[in-house]
Amino acid sequence: MYKLKLHKNLDREKWGTFDKSQQILMIANELNRAKNWIIKGDLEEVINCYERAFELLDLTISLTTRKNLLKELLRFREMLAVQYISKQKDIALNQKLFNVLLSLDKDSYNIL
């Protein structure tokens, strides 16, 4: 695992103390922040949100042992990457990503 650039006080062990639903909700929070910055039109802040989401997602992926969940998280990462590299940030795609992420964990989905 690489050294985290944006979450300097976080490591794999500390992230592992959170249950899966908390991890998913923290990643979803970054997507929600990105949505707000898309609305405000600040592309740089949107990119920052996605980069923080990637860091948290990579930590989650590194700790995931359930094969089906791992597969879905990796697919989700691919779709997040599509949004990240696109020049126009699509608010509808951001919302779909948010919904898909929450659907990966029933507890996270039920909380929101």
C-alpha atoms as a PDB file:
ATOM      1  CA  MET A   1       0.000   0.000   0.000  1.00  0.00           C
ATOM      2  CA  TYR A   2       1.277   3.425  -0.885  1.00  0.00           C
ATOM      3  CA  LYS A   3       1.644   6.317   1.559  1.00  0.00           C
ATOM      4  CA  LEU A   4      -1.518   8.365   1.717  1.00  0.00           C
ATOM      5  CA  LYS A   5      -1.146  11.852   0.357  1.00  0.00           C
ATOM      6  CA  LEU A   6      -4.442  13.404   1.415  1.00  0.00           C
ATOM      7  CA  HIS A   7      -5.250  11.480   4.596  1.00  0.00           C
ATOM      8  CA  LYS A   8      -1.910  11.793   6.350  1.00  0.00           C
ATOM      9  CA  ASN A   9      -3.198  10.673   9.761  1.00  0.00           C
ATOM     10  CA  LEU A  10      -4.853   7.559   8.375  1.00  0.00           C
ATOM     11  CA  ASP A  11      -3.348   4.172   7.621  1.00  0.00           C
ATOM     12  CA  ARG A  12      -4.605   0.714   6.736  1.00  0.00           C
ATOM     13  CA  GLU A  13      -4.729  -0.420  10.361  1.00  0.00           C
ATOM     14  CA  LYS A  14      -6.682   2.599  11.558  1.00  0.00           C
ATOM     15  CA  TRP A  15      -9.057   2.357   8.579  1.00  0.00           C
ATOM     16  CA  GLY A  16      -9.580  -1.294   9.440  1.00  0.00           C
ATOM     17  CA  THR A  17     -11.011  -0.321  12.842  1.00  0.00           C
ATOM     18  CA  PHE A  18     -14.072   1.103  11.071  1.00  0.00           C
ATOM     19  CA  ASP A  19     -16.724  -1.365   9.997  1.00  0.00           C
ATOM     20  CA  LYS A  20     -17.502  -1.738   6.305  1.00  0.00           C
ATOM     21  CA  SER A  21     -20.624   0.437   6.474  1.00  0.00           C
ATOM     22  CA  GLN A  22     -18.663   3.299   8.066  1.00  0.00           C
ATOM     23  CA  GLN A  23     -15.999   3.001   5.381  1.00  0.00           C
ATOM     24  CA  ILE A  24     -18.620   3.090   2.629  1.00  0.00           C
ATOM     25  CA  LEU A  25     -20.316   6.115   4.207  1.00  0.00           C
ATOM     26  CA  MET A  26     -17.026   8.029   4.425  1.00  0.00           C
ATOM     27  CA  ILE A  27     -16.337   7.377   0.737  1.00  0.00           C
ATOM     28  CA  ALA A  28     -19.918   8.400  -0.063  1.00  0.00           C
ATOM     29  CA  ASN A  29     -19.358  11.605   1.875  1.00  0.00           C
ATOM     30  CA  GLU A  30     -16.579  12.545  -0.551  1.00  0.00           C
ATOM     31  CA  LEU A  31     -18.942  11.934  -3.489  1.00  0.00           C
ATOM     32  CA  ASN A  32     -21.538  14.124  -1.794  1.00  0.00           C
ATOM     33  CA  ARG A  33     -18.946  16.882  -1.378  1.00  0.00           C
ATOM     34  CA  ALA A  34     -18.032  16.480  -5.051  1.00  0.00           C
ATOM     35  CA  LYS A  35     -21.705  16.944  -5.982  1.00  0.00           C
ATOM     36  CA  ASN A  36     -21.812  20.205  -4.047  1.00  0.00           C
ATOM     37  CA  TRP A  37     -18.670  21.456  -5.798  1.00  0.00           C
ATOM     38  CA  ILE A  38     -20.047  20.428  -9.194  1.00  0.00           C
ATOM     39  CA  ILE A  39     -23.090  22.590  -8.473  1.00  0.00           C
ATOM     40  CA  LYS A  40     -20.819  25.486  -7.479  1.00  0.00           C
ATOM     41  CA  GLY A  41     -18.697  24.954 -10.596  1.00  0.00           C
ATOM     42  CA  ASP A  42     -15.348  24.498  -8.838  1.00  0.00           C
ATOM     43  CA  LEU A  43     -13.636  21.771 -10.871  1.00  0.00           C
ATOM     44  CA  GLU A  44     -10.474  21.794  -8.761  1.00  0.00           C
ATOM     45  CA  GLU A  45     -12.428  21.027  -5.571  1.00  0.00           C
ATOM     46  CA  VAL A  46     -14.394  18.296  -7.370  1.00  0.00           C
ATOM     47  CA  ILE A  47     -11.119  16.641  -8.360  1.00  0.00           C
ATOM     48  CA  ASN A  48      -9.853  16.941  -4.776  1.00  0.00           C
ATOM     49  CA  CYS A  49     -12.990  15.167  -3.526  1.00  0.00           C
ATOM     50  CA  TYR A  50     -12.522  12.350  -6.031  1.00  0.00           C
ATOM     51  CA  GLU A  51      -8.861  11.957  -5.063  1.00  0.00           C
ATOM     52  CA  ARG A  52      -9.817  11.668  -1.389  1.00  0.00           C
ATOM     53  CA  ALA A  53     -12.505   9.144  -2.357  1.00  0.00           C
ATOM     54  CA  PHE A  54      -9.887   7.114  -4.274  1.00  0.00           C
ATOM     55  CA  GLU A  55      -7.627   6.995  -1.227  1.00  0.00           C
ATOM     56  CA  LEU A  56     -10.410   5.779   1.040  1.00  0.00           C
ATOM     57  CA  LEU A  57     -11.662   3.361  -1.587  1.00  0.00           C
ATOM     58  CA  ASP A  58      -8.191   1.892  -2.053  1.00  0.00           C
ATOM     59  CA  LEU A  59      -7.897   1.356   1.703  1.00  0.00           C
ATOM     60  CA  THR A  60     -11.275  -0.373   1.705  1.00  0.00           C
ATOM     61  CA  ILE A  61     -10.309  -2.541  -1.252  1.00  0.00           C
ATOM     62  CA  SER A  62      -7.047  -3.534   0.441  1.00  0.00           C
ATOM     63  CA  LEU A  63      -8.986  -4.779   3.485  1.00  0.00           C
ATOM     64  CA  THR A  64     -11.832  -6.516   1.664  1.00  0.00           C
ATOM     65  CA  THR A  65     -11.780 -10.292   1.831  1.00  0.00           C
ATOM     66  CA  ARG A  66     -15.231 -11.093   0.428  1.00  0.00           C
ATOM     67  CA  LYS A  67     -14.641 -11.905  -3.232  1.00  0.00           C
ATOM     68  CA  ASN A  68     -17.977 -10.573  -4.550  1.00  0.00           C
ATOM     69  CA  LEU A  69     -17.669  -7.296  -2.667  1.00  0.00           C
ATOM     70  CA  LEU A  70     -14.082  -6.891  -3.843  1.00  0.00           C
ATOM     71  CA  LYS A  71     -15.186  -7.380  -7.435  1.00  0.00           C
ATOM     72  CA  GLU A  72     -17.928  -4.752  -7.057  1.00  0.00           C
ATOM     73  CA  LEU A  73     -15.614  -2.265  -5.350  1.00  0.00           C
ATOM     74  CA  LEU A  74     -13.119  -2.621  -8.195  1.00  0.00           C
ATOM     75  CA  ARG A  75     -15.894  -2.052 -10.750  1.00  0.00           C
ATOM     76  CA  PHE A  76     -17.014   0.983  -8.786  1.00  0.00           C
ATOM     77  CA  ARG A  77     -13.431   2.282  -8.821  1.00  0.00           C
ATOM     78  CA  GLU A  78     -13.361   1.992 -12.612  1.00  0.00           C
ATOM     79  CA  MET A  79     -16.548   4.039 -12.949  1.00  0.00           C
ATOM     80  CA  LEU A  80     -15.245   6.646 -10.505  1.00  0.00           C
ATOM     81  CA  ALA A  81     -12.117   6.872 -12.650  1.00  0.00           C
ATOM     82  CA  VAL A  82     -14.269   7.566 -15.727  1.00  0.00           C
ATOM     83  CA  GLN A  83     -15.897  10.480 -13.903  1.00  0.00           C
ATOM     84  CA  TYR A  84     -12.526  11.653 -12.560  1.00  0.00           C
ATOM     85  CA  ILE A  85     -10.845  11.899 -15.968  1.00  0.00           C
ATOM     86  CA  SER A  86     -13.791  13.413 -17.826  1.00  0.00           C
ATOM     87  CA  LYS A  87     -13.493  17.111 -18.590  1.00  0.00           C
ATOM     88  CA  GLN A  88     -17.142  17.777 -17.768  1.00  0.00           C
ATOM     89  CA  LYS A  89     -18.172  16.466 -14.364  1.00  0.00           C
ATOM     90  CA  ASP A  90     -21.606  14.909 -14.746  1.00  0.00           C
ATOM     91  CA  ILE A  91     -23.766  15.479 -11.670  1.00  0.00           C
ATOM     92  CA  ALA A  92     -26.126  12.669 -12.704  1.00  0.00           C
ATOM     93  CA  LEU A  93     -23.232  10.193 -12.959  1.00  0.00           C
ATOM     94  CA  ASN A  94     -21.925  11.412  -9.612  1.00  0.00           C
ATOM     95  CA  GLN A  95     -25.332  10.681  -8.074  1.00  0.00           C
ATOM     96  CA  LYS A  96     -25.442   7.233  -9.680  1.00  0.00           C
ATOM     97  CA  LEU A  97     -21.997   6.474  -8.273  1.00  0.00           C
ATOM     98  CA  PHE A  98     -23.193   7.612  -4.850  1.00  0.00           C
ATOM     99  CA  ASN A  99     -26.250   5.354  -5.053  1.00  0.00           C
ATOM    100  CA  VAL A 100     -24.281   2.351  -6.316  1.00  0.00           C
ATOM    101  CA  LEU A 101     -21.711   2.744  -3.555  1.00  0.00           C
ATOM    102  CA  LEU A 102     -24.403   2.786  -0.887  1.00  0.00           C
ATOM    103  CA  SER A 103     -26.077  -0.250  -2.422  1.00  0.00           C
ATOM    104  CA  LEU A 104     -22.893  -2.281  -1.864  1.00  0.00           C
ATOM    105  CA  ASP A 105     -23.579  -2.356   1.865  1.00  0.00           C
ATOM    106  CA  LYS A 106     -27.118  -2.749   3.225  1.00  0.00           C
ATOM    107  CA  ASP A 107     -26.316  -1.005   6.522  1.00  0.00           C
ATOM    108  CA  SER A 108     -24.934   2.059   4.725  1.00  0.00           C
ATOM    109  CA  TYR A 109     -27.941   2.105   2.441  1.00  0.00           C
ATOM    110  CA  ASN A 110     -30.353   1.895   5.368  1.00  0.00           C
ATOM    111  CA  ILE A 111     -28.594   4.703   7.255  1.00  0.00           C
ATOM    112  CA  LEU A 112     -29.125   7.106   4.376  1.00  0.00           C
END
